Amino acid sequence: MKILVTGAGGFLGAAAVRALVARGDQVIALDTQLGAFGPDDAAPGLTLVPGDITDMANVAQAMVTHRPDAVLHCAAIVGVLSSLGSPINVVRVNVEGSLNVFESMRLAGVTRCIHISSEETYGAFQADRIDETHPQNPVMPYGICKVAVEHLGRTYRDLHGLEVINLRTSWVYGPGLPRNRIPKNLVDAALAGRELHVPWGADTAIDHTYVDDAVSAMLCALDRDAFAHDAYHVASGTSATVREIVEIVKSLVPGAKLTVGDGPLRFNDGLVMVRKGALDVTRAGKEWGWHPKHDMRSGLAAYVAALRAR
């Protein structure tokens, strides 16, 4: 296939690009920053296109010039804190940028888009484990924007025949993660021999997805002929508390000096994270045959091994 990947220079986008190229697909990698790709990534099937999804002309030109079979839409400003620090930019990139992608697809006659959405669209979980029918009540700009993009995709489906499939991911982690959050901060400190005390959050349970599982789900979705739904969970299907994650990292890196305070996880001194939990991945398993390979322990083990190998 020929796949246009937006946000191709980012954490998830770059991993997906490399996986697509490795299996023989043609990839048009679109991003404002493509420094993630060096000489080792050079391949006949990879075309790097500097571009910004907030620039409609730029996106439309790439879409019309290359006319991909599908779009993997990874481009976004990611995270709750980012959306609080600059909500205007998050709306501009995540919502207006996505609208430019959909409109460019319409103009170029491209009908399939796999959109990377988020469990932040749910807001506070109403149970320890939820499926895709859970109410979407986001409380932060990031989640609100992701819900808006999902609805815009449905509008383009109804009006123009686009097929926009939303992959609602949990917290994806692994080599290359740029954000200094759990579990990256714990793994980095452990491998560097630094002491790290997380002041709060021991009791908060979160579903974390190892990056290889996220990429395998994206490729699996791209390969599907048809979908019964327009939203699917991409996650480990399990949740682990921050206390449990700390203990796993300490077992993988003997001598690691990691501690965590009690209570719920906080984004900062005044902002408590809403209730999280596990994402049920049954829907993707039944329809696509996709199943995550990693739980928290095996994912962290793969993460530590990959960083040690580097």
Protein backbone atom coordinates (compact mmCIF):
# COMPACT_ATOMS: atom_id res chain seq x y z
CA MET A 1 0.00 0.00 0.00
CA LYS A 2 0.87 3.65 -0.23
CA ILE A 3 0.31 5.32 3.16
CA LEU A 4 0.55 9.01 4.03
CA VAL A 5 1.56 9.38 7.69
CA THR A 6 0.94 12.72 9.39
CA GLY A 7 3.07 13.49 12.42
CA ALA A 8 5.62 11.12 10.92
CA GLY A 9 8.50 12.63 12.89
CA GLY A 10 6.84 12.08 16.26
CA PHE A 11 7.10 9.20 18.70
CA LEU A 12 4.26 7.06 17.32
CA GLY A 13 4.47 8.34 13.76
CA ALA A 14 8.16 7.54 13.32
CA ALA A 15 7.72 4.05 14.76
CA ALA A 16 4.81 3.40 12.38
CA VAL A 17 6.74 4.74 9.38
CA ARG A 18 9.67 2.41 10.04
CA ALA A 19 7.36 -0.58 10.45
CA LEU A 20 5.49 0.21 7.23
CA VAL A 21 8.69 0.66 5.23
CA ALA A 22 10.14 -2.53 6.72
CA ARG A 23 7.22 -4.59 5.43
CA GLY A 24 7.43 -3.08 1.95
CA ASP A 25 4.78 -0.36 1.91
CA GLN A 26 5.33 3.01 0.23
CA VAL A 27 5.24 5.75 2.87
CA ILE A 28 4.83 9.50 2.51
CA ALA A 29 6.10 10.91 5.81
CA LEU A 30 4.61 14.34 6.49
CA ASP A 31 5.69 16.48 9.44
CA THR A 32 7.13 19.86 10.37
CA GLN A 33 10.17 18.10 11.82
CA LEU A 34 11.60 15.00 10.16
CA GLY A 35 14.88 14.85 12.05
CA ALA A 36 13.89 11.45 13.43
CA PHE A 37 14.93 9.96 10.08
CA GLY A 38 18.60 9.68 9.25
CA PRO A 39 20.72 7.93 6.59
CA ASP A 40 19.90 4.53 8.09
CA ASP A 41 16.22 5.12 7.29
CA ALA A 42 16.80 5.83 3.60
CA ALA A 43 14.71 3.44 1.51
CA PRO A 44 13.06 3.49 -1.93
CA GLY A 45 9.66 3.26 -0.28
CA LEU A 46 10.09 6.31 1.97
CA THR A 47 9.35 9.86 0.83
CA LEU A 48 9.93 12.66 3.34
CA VAL A 49 7.61 15.64 2.91
CA PRO A 50 8.18 18.64 5.20
CA GLY A 51 4.74 20.00 5.97
CA ASP A 52 2.39 21.39 8.58
CA ILE A 53 -1.18 20.10 8.90
CA THR A 54 -2.31 23.59 9.88
CA ASP A 55 -1.39 24.68 6.32
CA MET A 56 -4.27 23.51 4.15
CA ALA A 57 -2.42 24.15 0.89
CA ASN A 58 0.56 22.16 2.11
CA VAL A 59 -1.52 19.14 3.13
CA ALA A 60 -3.69 19.25 0.00
CA GLN A 61 -0.63 19.37 -2.25
CA ALA A 62 0.87 16.31 -0.56
CA MET A 63 -2.43 14.44 -0.77
CA VAL A 64 -3.12 15.27 -4.42
CA THR A 65 0.48 14.69 -5.51
CA HIS A 66 0.89 11.29 -3.88
CA ARG A 67 -2.75 10.05 -3.73
CA PRO A 68 -2.20 7.48 -0.98
CA ASP A 69 -4.39 4.45 -0.44
CA ALA A 70 -4.89 5.52 3.17
CA VAL A 71 -3.84 8.10 5.75
CA LEU A 72 -2.41 7.29 9.17
CA HIS A 73 -3.17 10.46 11.10
CA CYS A 74 -0.75 10.69 14.05
CA ALA A 75 -0.10 14.44 14.01
CA ALA A 76 -1.19 16.20 17.20
CA ILE A 77 -0.03 18.17 20.18
CA VAL A 78 -0.22 15.44 22.79
CA GLY A 79 -1.00 15.48 26.48
CA VAL A 80 -3.12 17.13 29.14
CA LEU A 81 -0.44 19.53 30.36
CA SER A 82 0.38 20.65 26.82
CA SER A 83 -3.27 21.38 26.20
CA LEU A 84 -3.52 23.41 29.41
CA GLY A 85 -0.36 25.37 28.68
CA SER A 86 -1.40 26.35 25.17
CA PRO A 87 -5.04 25.46 24.47
CA ILE A 88 -5.23 27.72 21.43
CA ASN A 89 -2.37 25.88 19.74
CA VAL A 90 -3.89 22.51 20.63
CA VAL A 91 -7.19 23.48 19.00
CA ARG A 92 -5.38 24.86 15.96
CA VAL A 93 -3.22 21.78 15.42
CA ASN A 94 -5.45 18.98 16.65
CA VAL A 95 -8.84 20.18 15.41
CA GLU A 96 -8.14 22.59 12.53
CA GLY A 97 -5.22 20.46 11.38
CA SER A 98 -7.38 17.34 11.33
CA LEU A 99 -10.05 19.20 9.40
CA ASN A 100 -7.39 20.10 6.83
CA VAL A 101 -6.43 16.43 6.56
CA PHE A 102 -10.06 15.35 6.01
CA GLU A 103 -10.72 18.10 3.51
CA SER A 104 -7.54 17.29 1.60
CA MET A 105 -8.58 13.65 1.48
CA ARG A 106 -11.92 14.67 0.04
CA LEU A 107 -10.25 16.76 -2.65
CA ALA A 108 -7.82 13.98 -3.58
CA GLY A 109 -10.38 11.18 -3.50
CA VAL A 110 -8.67 9.39 -0.59
CA THR A 111 -11.29 7.65 1.53
CA ARG A 112 -9.58 5.82 4.42
CA CYS A 113 -8.05 7.42 7.52
CA ILE A 114 -6.79 5.74 10.68
CA HIS A 115 -6.87 8.47 13.34
CA ILE A 116 -4.90 8.11 16.57
CA SER A 117 -7.36 9.16 19.26
CA SER A 118 -7.06 8.77 23.03
CA GLU A 119 -8.63 7.42 26.19
CA GLU A 120 -8.61 11.06 27.35
CA THR A 121 -11.88 11.37 25.40
CA TYR A 122 -13.61 9.53 28.27
CA GLY A 123 -12.66 11.87 31.09
CA ALA A 124 -13.04 10.09 34.42
CA PHE A 125 -13.55 6.33 34.05
CA GLN A 126 -16.80 5.08 35.58
CA ALA A 127 -15.36 1.60 36.19
CA ASP A 128 -11.99 -0.11 36.62
CA ARG A 129 -12.28 -1.50 33.09
CA ILE A 130 -14.20 0.15 30.27
CA ASP A 131 -15.09 -0.62 26.66
CA GLU A 132 -15.70 1.69 23.67
CA THR A 133 -19.33 2.34 24.67
CA HIS A 134 -18.25 4.25 27.80
CA PRO A 135 -19.58 7.85 27.79
CA GLN A 136 -17.15 10.41 26.39
CA ASN A 137 -17.02 13.24 28.91
CA PRO A 138 -13.55 14.79 28.50
CA VAL A 139 -12.53 17.41 31.02
CA MET A 140 -9.32 18.77 29.48
CA PRO A 141 -8.67 20.55 26.15
CA TYR A 142 -6.67 17.61 24.76
CA GLY A 143 -9.48 15.10 25.25
CA ILE A 144 -12.10 17.61 24.12
CA CYS A 145 -10.18 18.16 20.87
CA LYS A 146 -9.88 14.42 20.26
CA VAL A 147 -13.65 14.00 20.64
CA ALA A 148 -14.16 16.88 18.20
CA VAL A 149 -11.92 15.18 15.65
CA GLU A 150 -13.83 11.92 16.04
CA HIS A 151 -17.09 13.76 15.36
CA LEU A 152 -15.61 15.62 12.38
CA GLY A 153 -14.59 12.26 10.95
CA ARG A 154 -18.18 11.05 11.24
CA THR A 155 -19.39 14.18 9.48
CA TYR A 156 -16.99 13.56 6.60
CA ARG A 157 -18.15 9.94 6.53
CA ASP A 158 -21.80 10.92 6.22
CA LEU A 159 -21.28 13.79 3.76
CA HIS A 160 -18.33 12.65 1.67
CA GLY A 161 -17.89 8.92 2.16
CA LEU A 162 -14.65 9.05 4.14
CA GLU A 163 -13.90 6.14 6.46
CA VAL A 164 -12.31 7.58 9.61
CA ILE A 165 -11.41 4.93 12.19
CA ASN A 166 -10.44 6.12 15.66
CA LEU A 167 -7.87 4.16 17.63
CA ARG A 168 -8.26 5.21 21.26
CA THR A 169 -4.88 4.54 22.80
CA SER A 170 -3.92 4.39 26.44
CA TRP A 171 -0.57 5.79 27.62
CA VAL A 172 1.93 4.60 25.01
CA TYR A 173 5.54 4.22 26.13
CA GLY A 174 8.83 2.83 24.88
CA PRO A 175 12.15 3.90 23.31
CA GLY A 176 11.92 7.41 21.89
CA LEU A 177 9.11 8.65 24.13
CA PRO A 178 9.83 12.39 24.43
CA ARG A 179 7.61 13.18 27.42
CA ASN A 180 9.09 12.96 30.89
CA ARG A 181 6.27 11.03 32.52
CA ILE A 182 5.66 7.60 34.00
CA PRO A 183 7.16 5.14 33.17
CA LYS A 184 9.89 6.96 31.18
CA ASN A 185 11.08 9.00 34.16
CA LEU A 186 11.31 5.85 36.30
CA VAL A 187 13.20 3.82 33.70
CA ASP A 188 15.58 6.67 32.87
CA ALA A 189 16.43 7.25 36.54
CA ALA A 190 16.91 3.56 37.21
CA LEU A 191 19.29 3.04 34.27
CA ALA A 192 21.24 6.20 35.12
CA GLY A 193 21.59 5.19 38.77
CA ARG A 194 19.75 8.31 39.94
CA GLU A 195 17.43 8.48 42.91
CA LEU A 196 13.87 9.45 42.00
CA HIS A 197 10.94 10.07 44.30
CA VAL A 198 7.56 10.61 42.68
CA PRO A 199 5.73 12.62 45.35
CA TRP A 200 2.28 11.19 44.67
CA GLY A 201 0.34 8.67 42.62
CA ALA A 202 1.10 5.25 44.12
CA ASP A 203 -2.56 4.27 44.13
CA THR A 204 -3.45 5.38 40.58
CA ALA A 205 -3.98 2.53 38.08
CA ILE A 206 -3.36 3.28 34.41
CA ASP A 207 -3.38 1.16 31.25
CA HIS A 208 -0.01 1.53 29.50
CA THR A 209 0.66 0.30 25.96
CA TYR A 210 4.11 -0.67 24.76
CA VAL A 211 4.92 1.11 21.50
CA ASP A 212 5.35 -2.11 19.51
CA ASP A 213 1.77 -3.10 20.36
CA ALA A 214 0.47 0.32 19.31
CA VAL A 215 2.28 0.05 15.98
CA SER A 216 1.03 -3.48 15.34
CA ALA A 217 -2.54 -2.27 15.93
CA MET A 218 -2.10 0.62 13.49
CA LEU A 219 -0.81 -1.70 10.78
CA CYS A 220 -3.57 -4.19 11.48
CA ALA A 221 -6.18 -1.45 11.10
CA LEU A 222 -4.63 -0.27 7.83
CA ASP A 223 -4.88 -3.82 6.49
CA ARG A 224 -8.57 -4.27 7.31
CA ASP A 225 -11.06 -4.35 4.43
CA ALA A 226 -14.02 -3.18 6.52
CA PHE A 227 -14.96 -2.15 10.05
CA ALA A 228 -18.08 -2.77 12.07
CA HIS A 229 -17.36 0.27 14.28
CA ASP A 230 -15.46 3.53 14.00
CA ALA A 231 -13.69 3.35 17.37
CA TYR A 232 -11.39 0.73 18.87
CA HIS A 233 -9.22 0.52 21.95
CA VAL A 234 -5.49 0.09 21.49
CA ALA A 235 -4.09 -0.76 24.90
CA SER A 236 -2.69 -3.55 27.00
CA GLY A 237 -6.13 -4.41 28.36
CA THR A 238 -4.77 -4.28 31.90
CA SER A 239 -3.92 -1.56 34.39
CA ALA A 240 -1.08 -1.24 36.87
CA THR A 241 -0.74 1.17 39.77
CA VAL A 242 2.23 3.50 39.91
CA ARG A 243 3.39 1.60 42.99
CA GLU A 244 3.36 -1.64 40.98
CA ILE A 245 5.26 0.01 38.12
CA VAL A 246 7.93 1.25 40.51
CA GLU A 247 8.38 -2.26 41.89
CA ILE A 248 8.60 -3.79 38.41
CA VAL A 249 11.29 -1.32 37.32
CA LYS A 250 13.24 -1.99 40.54
CA SER A 251 13.12 -5.72 39.82
CA LEU A 252 14.35 -5.17 36.25
CA VAL A 253 17.13 -2.79 37.32
CA PRO A 254 18.55 -4.13 40.60
CA GLY A 255 19.67 -1.34 42.88
CA ALA A 256 17.32 1.23 41.38
CA LYS A 257 16.44 3.87 43.97
CA LEU A 258 12.81 4.65 43.17
CA THR A 259 10.00 5.61 45.53
CA VAL A 260 6.49 6.98 45.16
CA GLY A 261 4.14 8.76 47.53
CA ASP A 262 0.61 7.62 48.31
CA GLY A 263 -2.61 8.94 46.86
CA PRO A 264 -3.79 9.79 43.35
CA LEU A 265 -1.44 10.85 40.57
CA ARG A 266 -1.18 14.58 39.95
CA PHE A 267 -0.13 16.49 36.87
CA ASN A 268 1.18 19.22 39.16
CA ASP A 269 0.65 20.49 42.71
CA GLY A 270 -2.91 21.60 42.05
CA LEU A 271 -4.20 19.26 39.33
CA VAL A 272 -5.27 15.73 40.25
CA MET A 273 -5.60 13.29 37.37
CA VAL A 274 -9.09 11.90 36.80
CA ARG A 275 -9.81 8.26 37.53
CA LYS A 276 -8.21 5.87 35.04
CA GLY A 277 -8.20 2.11 34.62
CA ALA A 278 -7.97 -0.60 31.99
CA LEU A 279 -9.25 -0.38 28.43
CA ASP A 280 -11.10 -3.45 27.20
CA VAL A 281 -9.52 -4.53 23.89
CA THR A 282 -12.06 -7.27 23.11
CA ARG A 283 -13.55 -5.41 20.14
CA ALA A 284 -10.27 -5.23 18.19
CA GLY A 285 -9.49 -8.81 19.16
CA LYS A 286 -12.78 -10.20 17.88
CA GLU A 287 -12.94 -8.14 14.69
CA TRP A 288 -9.30 -7.91 13.63
CA GLY A 289 -7.60 -10.68 15.54
CA TRP A 290 -5.34 -8.07 17.14
CA HIS A 291 -4.12 -8.76 20.66
CA PRO A 292 -1.45 -6.86 22.61
CA LYS A 293 1.67 -8.90 23.31
CA HIS A 294 2.80 -6.97 26.38
CA ASP A 295 1.44 -6.46 29.84
CA MET A 296 3.17 -3.95 32.12
CA ARG A 297 5.99 -6.26 33.17
CA SER A 298 6.89 -7.60 29.73
CA GLY A 299 6.58 -4.13 28.18
CA LEU A 300 8.88 -2.59 30.75
CA ALA A 301 11.32 -5.46 30.27
CA ALA A 302 11.36 -4.80 26.52
CA TYR A 303 11.78 -1.07 27.16
CA VAL A 304 14.73 -1.56 29.51
CA ALA A 305 16.36 -4.04 27.13
CA ALA A 306 15.99 -1.66 24.18
CA LEU A 307 17.56 1.25 26.09
CA ARG A 308 20.41 -0.95 27.31
CA ALA A 309 21.05 -2.10 23.74
CA ARG A 310 21.42 1.51 22.66
